[in-house]
Amino acid sequence: MQLRRHLLPAVLAPCVLALGVGLSISLGCATVANLPQTQGEVQSGYTYIPIDPFAVREVPGVGCVGDREKATKEALPSDMKQPPYRELLESLPDNSVRMLIEQFDVSGKITYGPAKLGTQGGSYRVTVDYINADTINVELLIEKTMEDATSHTRKPVLWESSPSKDEYTLGSESYKVTARKSLANQYCDSPWITPSSELYRQCQADAERLAKRTELGLLMNLPVYVGIGLRVSATVDIIGASANISGIGIIGAEAEANRLKGTLVVQTLGVNGKSVAAALPINSELNRTTAQSAIVAVGAIKALLYAKGDTVVAPRVVGLYLPINGGKPLVNAIISELSSSKLEWRRPCVPPKNPEEAATPAPGAAAPAPGAPKKPAAGAPK
């Protein structure tokens, strides 16, 4: 039985003002019919999702000692405590500004949408990330369940179908997310496993169980952004007839005009230091002045990223790209799985110099005198 796999492209669709650098259940057969998608499912996919930063595990990547893709610390010289990693900013190839607008309804549900004009009584959160980041892909299995309209028990639902509203309770969707690496034995792809071995039979059984789960669930690659940066977020309530919420500066002006009220937060993502702390604004009240102060603070801290001083940077998971439809419950389930163990980020190294490069004198250095004896290479017999 072959696995049904969905490989979704990481097409970038910014929708937030961001300053700075995204289950184990018993499955049986389920009868499915047509049911319109919820508003959250229609509006909540295909967008950048900023998340609270959490740490990653750095492993040797391109340019490190040994195999470029499988380098390990064991391959390093005994006197080297860690690989000769590139400077962090050199290791993060992408620089972008991303924006997300979240809308809260009266029931507390959150949807992600492109709306840039808030309506009276509406509540929104606008997030802008400026990030220096690298992208890693995490393979996930997503399984969906809904409440049976008659028995009020949860039942698995085919991901690509629309269950009948007479069979399932609308709005009862919940998700179970499992990282692919925790589903299969890491040795199952090894060429030395023979069909007669116990491990081979175990791998076959695991593959059959996984195939049954993927018949209903979705197996996909999720782009996750690792890096550093800055974040500005405004949480607002619309008190006028309407208000423009298309940017942090504009939101500050709308608050000054009493069309909305709310709070403002400036946050660093993997960036710290005395100068950084001093540049962060303390006030959280939302008005034109505080919005301008937040923008000025972001500019000041961006400059500190490249300054040689007390600024400390560390790679963090700062966001993800959601390539499928799904509301906040799905996003929360994905974040919970991603943060359950540190994600591996392959950090590139400074490649070692070859003997010809090592023998070439640096610019400005005196060349050896003609006829001078050459210095023997390290370890060479004298």
Protein backbone atom coordinates (compact mmCIF):
# COMPACT_ATOMS: atom_id res chain seq x y z
CA MET A 1 0.00 0.00 0.00
CA GLN A 2 1.48 3.30 -1.05
CA LEU A 3 1.35 6.45 1.05
CA ARG A 4 -0.66 9.38 -0.27
CA ARG A 5 1.73 12.29 -0.05
CA HIS A 6 1.05 15.98 -0.56
CA LEU A 7 4.11 18.10 -1.29
CA LEU A 8 2.93 21.69 -1.17
CA PRO A 9 5.10 24.56 -2.46
CA ALA A 10 6.14 27.26 -0.03
CA VAL A 11 4.66 30.14 -2.03
CA LEU A 12 5.16 33.25 0.07
CA ALA A 13 1.99 35.25 0.72
CA PRO A 14 2.70 38.07 3.21
CA CYS A 15 -0.36 39.38 5.11
CA VAL A 16 1.07 40.97 8.33
CA LEU A 17 3.04 44.01 9.45
CA ALA A 18 6.07 42.26 10.92
CA LEU A 19 9.46 43.54 11.86
CA GLY A 20 12.21 40.93 12.20
CA VAL A 21 13.93 38.31 10.48
CA GLY A 22 5.10 28.17 11.06
CA LEU A 23 -1.67 12.11 16.99
CA SER A 24 -2.36 9.11 17.62
CA ILE A 25 -5.98 8.08 17.18
CA SER A 26 -7.73 4.92 16.15
CA LEU A 27 -8.99 5.29 12.59
CA GLY A 28 -11.80 3.35 11.06
CA CYS A 29 -13.95 3.82 7.99
CA ALA A 30 -16.01 6.98 7.74
CA THR A 31 -18.86 7.90 5.44
CA VAL A 32 -18.42 11.35 3.98
CA ALA A 33 -20.66 13.72 2.02
CA ASN A 34 -20.65 17.36 1.03
CA LEU A 35 -20.44 20.18 3.58
CA PRO A 36 -19.38 23.78 2.91
CA GLN A 37 -16.10 24.82 4.46
CA THR A 38 -16.23 27.02 7.52
CA GLN A 39 -15.26 30.68 7.18
CA GLY A 40 -12.11 29.96 9.15
CA GLU A 41 -11.07 27.20 6.77
CA VAL A 42 -11.73 29.37 3.72
CA GLN A 43 -9.81 32.39 5.02
CA SER A 44 -7.14 30.80 7.15
CA GLY A 45 -4.84 29.10 4.69
CA TYR A 46 -1.98 30.06 2.45
CA THR A 47 -0.37 32.66 4.68
CA TYR A 48 2.61 33.42 6.91
CA ILE A 49 1.94 32.70 10.59
CA PRO A 50 4.16 34.47 13.18
CA ILE A 51 4.66 32.41 16.33
CA ASP A 52 6.28 32.99 19.70
CA PRO A 53 9.96 32.14 19.16
CA PHE A 54 11.49 28.92 20.47
CA ALA A 55 14.97 27.45 20.23
CA VAL A 56 16.37 25.15 17.55
CA ARG A 57 19.18 22.59 17.63
CA GLU A 58 22.09 23.57 15.41
CA VAL A 59 23.77 20.74 13.49
CA PRO A 60 26.64 20.97 10.97
CA GLY A 61 25.47 21.75 7.47
CA VAL A 62 26.95 22.78 4.13
CA GLY A 63 30.70 23.38 4.20
CA CYS A 64 31.34 21.55 7.48
CA VAL A 65 33.92 18.80 7.98
CA GLY A 66 33.05 15.50 6.32
CA ASP A 67 29.94 14.84 4.28
CA ARG A 68 28.30 18.19 3.61
CA GLU A 69 24.83 16.91 4.30
CA LYS A 70 25.65 14.41 7.05
CA ALA A 71 28.47 16.09 8.94
CA THR A 72 28.55 15.39 12.67
CA LYS A 73 30.60 16.65 15.55
CA GLU A 74 32.26 13.24 15.72
CA ALA A 75 33.91 14.06 12.37
CA LEU A 76 35.59 17.16 13.76
CA PRO A 77 39.19 17.28 15.03
CA SER A 78 39.49 16.38 18.70
CA ASP A 79 40.69 19.87 19.64
CA MET A 80 37.69 21.60 18.00
CA LYS A 81 34.75 22.02 20.40
CA GLN A 82 32.25 22.96 17.69
CA PRO A 83 32.18 23.29 13.90
CA PRO A 84 33.55 26.52 12.38
CA TYR A 85 30.09 27.93 11.76
CA ARG A 86 29.61 31.01 9.63
CA GLU A 87 28.48 34.20 11.36
CA LEU A 88 24.78 33.89 12.13
CA LEU A 89 23.64 36.66 9.79
CA GLU A 90 25.75 35.11 7.00
CA SER A 91 23.94 31.82 7.63
CA LEU A 92 20.48 33.36 7.16
CA PRO A 93 20.00 33.97 3.42
CA ASP A 94 16.55 35.59 3.45
CA ASN A 95 15.57 39.06 4.65
CA SER A 96 11.88 39.95 4.59
CA VAL A 97 9.04 41.93 6.14
CA ARG A 98 5.84 39.94 6.68
CA MET A 99 2.42 40.98 7.91
CA LEU A 100 -0.57 39.07 9.29
CA ILE A 101 -4.04 40.27 10.29
CA GLU A 102 -6.04 38.10 12.70
CA GLN A 103 -9.74 38.67 13.32
CA PHE A 104 -11.49 37.61 16.54
CA ASP A 105 -15.21 36.83 16.46
CA VAL A 106 -17.68 36.96 19.36
CA SER A 107 -17.15 33.26 20.15
CA GLY A 108 -13.39 33.77 20.52
CA LYS A 109 -12.47 32.02 17.28
CA ILE A 110 -9.63 33.48 15.22
CA THR A 111 -9.42 33.66 11.46
CA TYR A 112 -6.59 34.87 9.25
CA GLY A 113 -7.61 37.10 6.42
CA PRO A 114 -6.54 39.84 4.04
CA ALA A 115 -9.02 42.44 5.39
CA LYS A 116 -7.38 45.82 5.88
CA LEU A 117 -10.50 47.75 6.88
CA GLY A 118 -11.88 46.97 10.35
CA THR A 119 -15.62 47.28 10.99
CA GLN A 120 -17.35 48.61 14.09
CA GLY A 121 -17.27 46.19 17.00
CA GLY A 122 -14.55 44.07 15.41
CA SER A 123 -11.39 42.94 17.18
CA TYR A 124 -8.13 42.43 15.31
CA ARG A 125 -4.45 41.73 15.84
CA VAL A 126 -1.99 43.10 13.29
CA THR A 127 1.52 41.64 13.39
CA VAL A 128 4.52 42.82 11.40
CA ASP A 129 7.78 40.82 11.39
CA TYR A 130 11.14 41.96 10.05
CA ILE A 131 13.16 38.76 9.86
CA ASN A 132 16.51 37.39 8.70
CA ALA A 133 15.68 33.74 8.22
CA ASP A 134 16.41 30.38 6.66
CA THR A 135 13.66 27.92 5.69
CA ILE A 136 13.52 24.30 6.78
CA ASN A 137 10.86 21.78 5.74
CA VAL A 138 9.17 19.59 8.33
CA GLU A 139 7.11 16.62 7.18
CA LEU A 140 3.86 16.31 9.15
CA LEU A 141 0.88 13.98 9.27
CA ILE A 142 -2.33 15.90 10.01
CA GLU A 143 -5.45 14.01 11.06
CA LYS A 144 -8.85 15.63 11.45
CA THR A 145 -11.80 14.58 13.63
CA MET A 146 -15.31 15.99 14.11
CA GLU A 147 -18.14 15.40 16.55
CA ASP A 148 -20.86 13.00 15.38
CA ALA A 149 -24.18 14.85 15.31
CA THR A 150 -26.07 11.87 16.76
CA SER A 151 -23.73 10.09 19.18
CA HIS A 152 -21.67 13.22 20.05
CA THR A 153 -18.51 11.13 19.82
CA ARG A 154 -15.51 12.16 17.76
CA LYS A 155 -14.94 10.44 14.44
CA PRO A 156 -12.11 10.66 11.89
CA VAL A 157 -12.89 12.67 8.77
CA LEU A 158 -11.32 12.35 5.34
CA TRP A 159 -9.14 15.44 4.93
CA GLU A 160 -10.12 16.27 1.34
CA SER A 161 -13.86 15.70 1.82
CA SER A 162 -16.69 17.86 3.15
CA PRO A 163 -18.66 15.88 5.77
CA SER A 164 -22.44 16.14 5.77
CA LYS A 165 -23.86 18.71 8.18
CA ASP A 166 -26.51 16.14 9.13
CA GLU A 167 -23.77 13.73 10.20
CA TYR A 168 -21.28 16.03 11.93
CA THR A 169 -21.50 19.08 14.18
CA LEU A 170 -20.36 22.24 12.46
CA GLY A 171 -17.39 23.94 14.08
CA SER A 172 -16.31 20.80 15.98
CA GLU A 173 -13.12 20.26 13.97
CA SER A 174 -10.02 19.25 15.90
CA TYR A 175 -6.61 18.19 14.63
CA LYS A 176 -3.88 15.77 15.57
CA VAL A 177 -0.44 16.58 14.15
CA THR A 178 2.53 14.21 14.19
CA ALA A 179 6.02 14.83 12.82
CA ARG A 180 6.96 12.27 10.17
CA LYS A 181 10.26 11.43 11.87
CA SER A 182 8.36 10.11 14.91
CA LEU A 183 6.13 7.88 12.78
CA ALA A 184 8.70 5.65 11.11
CA ASN A 185 11.75 3.77 12.29
CA GLN A 186 14.83 5.77 11.27
CA TYR A 187 16.59 2.55 10.20
CA CYS A 188 13.87 1.36 7.82
CA ASP A 189 15.54 2.93 4.77
CA SER A 190 18.93 1.39 5.51
CA PRO A 191 20.21 -0.81 2.62
CA TRP A 192 21.59 -3.47 4.95
CA ILE A 193 18.14 -4.56 6.20
CA THR A 194 17.28 -7.98 4.76
CA PRO A 195 13.70 -9.21 4.15
CA SER A 196 14.28 -12.06 6.60
CA SER A 197 15.22 -9.80 9.52
CA GLU A 198 12.89 -8.91 12.39
CA LEU A 199 13.55 -5.22 11.81
CA TYR A 200 12.36 -5.57 8.20
CA ARG A 201 9.06 -7.12 9.36
CA GLN A 202 8.67 -4.36 11.95
CA CYS A 203 9.25 -1.71 9.30
CA GLN A 204 6.66 -3.32 7.04
CA ALA A 205 4.11 -3.31 9.85
CA ASP A 206 4.88 0.33 10.68
CA ALA A 207 4.47 1.27 7.00
CA GLU A 208 1.07 -0.47 6.85
CA ARG A 209 -0.14 1.34 9.98
CA LEU A 210 1.08 4.65 8.60
CA ALA A 211 -0.63 3.97 5.26
CA LYS A 212 -3.95 3.40 7.04
CA ARG A 213 -3.58 6.70 8.88
CA THR A 214 -2.69 8.60 5.71
CA GLU A 215 -5.80 7.26 3.95
CA LEU A 216 -7.79 9.81 5.95
CA GLY A 217 -5.07 12.24 7.03
CA LEU A 218 -2.79 14.57 5.11
CA LEU A 219 0.96 13.99 4.76
CA MET A 220 2.64 17.29 3.84
CA ASN A 221 5.82 19.38 4.03
CA LEU A 222 5.52 22.49 6.20
CA PRO A 223 7.94 25.40 5.60
CA VAL A 224 9.27 26.69 8.94
CA TYR A 225 11.32 29.90 9.30
CA VAL A 226 14.41 29.88 11.52
CA GLY A 227 16.26 33.10 12.21
CA ILE A 228 16.27 36.34 14.14
CA GLY A 229 14.33 39.58 13.90
CA LEU A 230 11.90 42.06 15.36
CA ARG A 231 8.14 42.00 15.77
CA VAL A 232 5.55 44.74 16.27
CA SER A 233 1.97 43.71 17.04
CA ALA A 234 -1.11 45.81 17.70
CA THR A 235 -4.31 44.40 19.24
CA VAL A 236 -7.22 46.70 18.44
CA ASP A 237 -10.98 47.10 18.94
CA ILE A 238 -12.85 49.17 16.37
CA ILE A 239 -15.00 51.79 18.15
CA GLY A 240 -15.83 53.96 15.11
CA ALA A 241 -17.84 53.05 12.05
CA SER A 242 -14.68 51.64 10.48
CA ALA A 243 -10.90 51.98 10.68
CA ASN A 244 -7.90 51.39 8.44
CA ILE A 245 -5.71 48.63 9.92
CA SER A 246 -3.34 48.13 7.00
CA GLY A 247 -0.17 49.16 8.89
CA ILE A 248 1.22 50.01 12.32
CA GLY A 249 1.69 53.71 11.53
CA ILE A 250 -1.82 53.98 10.09
CA ILE A 251 -3.27 52.19 13.13
CA GLY A 252 -1.60 54.76 15.39
CA ALA A 253 -3.23 57.58 13.40
CA GLU A 254 -6.63 55.86 13.58
CA ALA A 255 -6.26 55.51 17.36
CA GLU A 256 -5.46 59.23 17.56
CA ALA A 257 -8.72 59.90 15.68
CA ASN A 258 -10.68 57.74 18.19
CA ARG A 259 -11.68 55.21 15.54
CA LEU A 260 -10.06 52.36 17.44
CA LYS A 261 -8.35 51.55 20.72
CA GLY A 262 -5.84 48.91 21.71
CA THR A 263 -2.33 48.02 22.80
CA LEU A 264 1.05 47.88 21.09
CA VAL A 265 3.91 45.45 21.72
CA VAL A 266 7.48 45.49 20.36
CA GLN A 267 9.37 42.20 20.68
CA THR A 268 12.79 40.91 19.66
CA LEU A 269 13.20 37.46 18.12
CA GLY A 270 16.53 35.91 19.09
CA VAL A 271 18.14 39.32 19.69
CA ASN A 272 19.34 40.61 23.08
CA GLY A 273 21.86 42.96 24.69
CA LYS A 274 22.12 46.19 26.68
CA SER A 275 21.74 48.45 23.67
CA VAL A 276 18.80 46.40 22.41
CA ALA A 277 17.02 46.56 25.78
CA ALA A 278 17.61 50.32 25.94
CA ALA A 279 16.10 50.81 22.49
CA LEU A 280 12.87 48.94 23.25
CA PRO A 281 9.93 51.26 24.07
CA ILE A 282 8.27 50.64 27.42
CA ASN A 283 4.78 52.07 26.85
CA SER A 284 2.02 49.84 25.51
CA GLU A 285 -0.74 52.41 24.92
CA LEU A 286 -1.68 52.66 21.27
CA ASN A 287 -1.59 56.13 19.70
CA ARG A 288 0.27 57.98 16.97
CA THR A 289 3.26 58.73 19.23
CA THR A 290 3.76 55.16 20.46
CA ALA A 291 3.35 53.78 16.94
CA GLN A 292 6.08 56.12 15.70
CA SER A 293 8.27 55.18 18.69
CA ALA A 294 7.87 51.49 17.82
CA ILE A 295 8.95 52.11 14.23
CA VAL A 296 11.97 54.15 15.38
CA ALA A 297 12.92 51.39 17.87
CA VAL A 298 12.79 48.76 15.17
CA GLY A 299 15.09 50.82 12.95
CA ALA A 300 17.56 51.31 15.80
CA ILE A 301 17.63 47.62 16.72
CA LYS A 302 18.02 46.60 13.06
CA ALA A 303 21.20 48.66 12.95
CA LEU A 304 22.47 46.93 16.10
CA LEU A 305 22.20 43.52 14.40
CA TYR A 306 25.24 44.37 12.29
CA ALA A 307 27.19 46.25 14.96
CA LYS A 308 30.11 44.59 16.73
CA GLY A 309 29.18 45.22 20.34
CA ASP A 310 27.12 43.74 23.12
CA THR A 311 24.34 42.50 20.81
CA VAL A 312 23.71 38.77 21.28
CA VAL A 313 21.88 36.80 18.60
CA ALA A 314 20.61 33.21 18.61
CA PRO A 315 18.56 31.37 15.95
CA ARG A 316 14.92 30.81 16.81
CA VAL A 317 11.83 29.45 15.12
CA VAL A 318 10.00 32.69 14.30
CA GLY A 319 7.16 31.64 12.00
CA LEU A 320 5.74 29.17 9.53
CA TYR A 321 3.97 29.22 6.20
CA LEU A 322 0.54 27.57 6.26
CA PRO A 323 0.04 26.03 2.80
CA ILE A 324 -3.41 24.58 3.57
CA ASN A 325 -6.77 25.82 4.80
CA GLY A 326 -7.32 25.67 8.54
CA GLY A 327 -8.14 27.87 11.52
CA LYS A 328 -6.45 28.55 14.81
CA PRO A 329 -7.00 24.99 16.17
CA LEU A 330 -4.92 23.59 13.31
CA VAL A 331 -2.19 26.21 13.81
CA ASN A 332 -2.06 25.50 17.55
CA ALA A 333 -1.79 21.75 16.92
CA ILE A 334 1.09 22.33 14.48
CA ILE A 335 2.94 24.63 16.88
CA SER A 336 2.47 22.15 19.73
CA GLU A 337 4.07 19.38 17.70
CA LEU A 338 6.92 21.55 16.41
CA SER A 339 7.81 22.75 19.92
CA SER A 340 7.63 19.29 21.52
CA SER A 341 11.30 18.76 20.60
CA LYS A 342 13.94 21.05 19.14
CA LEU A 343 13.92 21.24 15.37
CA GLU A 344 17.25 20.63 13.65
CA TRP A 345 18.69 23.50 11.66
CA ARG A 346 21.71 22.73 9.46
CA ARG A 347 23.96 25.74 9.94
CA PRO A 348 26.59 26.24 7.22
CA CYS A 349 30.29 26.29 8.07
CA VAL A 350 33.27 28.22 6.78
CA PRO A 351 34.78 25.69 4.35
CA PRO A 352 38.37 24.68 5.13
CA LYS A 353 41.10 26.09 2.89
CA ASN A 354 42.86 23.76 0.48
CA PRO A 355 46.70 23.51 0.66
CA GLU A 356 47.19 25.93 -2.26
CA GLU A 357 45.04 28.59 -0.57
CA ALA A 358 46.76 28.03 2.76
CA ALA A 359 50.20 28.54 1.14
CA THR A 360 49.15 31.77 -0.60
CA PRO A 361 50.25 34.79 1.49
CA ALA A 362 47.50 37.12 2.65
CA PRO A 363 47.25 40.52 0.96
CA GLY A 364 49.97 42.81 2.36
CA ALA A 365 51.95 39.93 3.84
CA ALA A 366 55.62 39.60 2.94
CA ALA A 367 56.38 36.84 0.49
CA PRO A 368 59.07 34.32 1.50
CA ALA A 369 62.59 35.20 0.37
CA PRO A 370 63.88 33.38 -2.73
CA GLY A 371 65.61 30.16 -1.76
CA ALA A 372 64.21 30.20 1.77
CA PRO A 373 63.36 26.72 3.06
CA LYS A 374 59.69 25.87 3.05
CA LYS A 375 58.00 25.24 6.37
CA PRO A 376 57.06 21.55 6.63
CA ALA A 377 53.36 20.75 6.80
CA ALA A 378 51.92 19.81 10.15
CA GLY A 379 52.60 16.15 10.92
CA ALA A 380 55.14 15.79 8.13
CA PRO A 381 58.40 13.99 9.02
CA LYS A 382 61.30 16.36 9.73
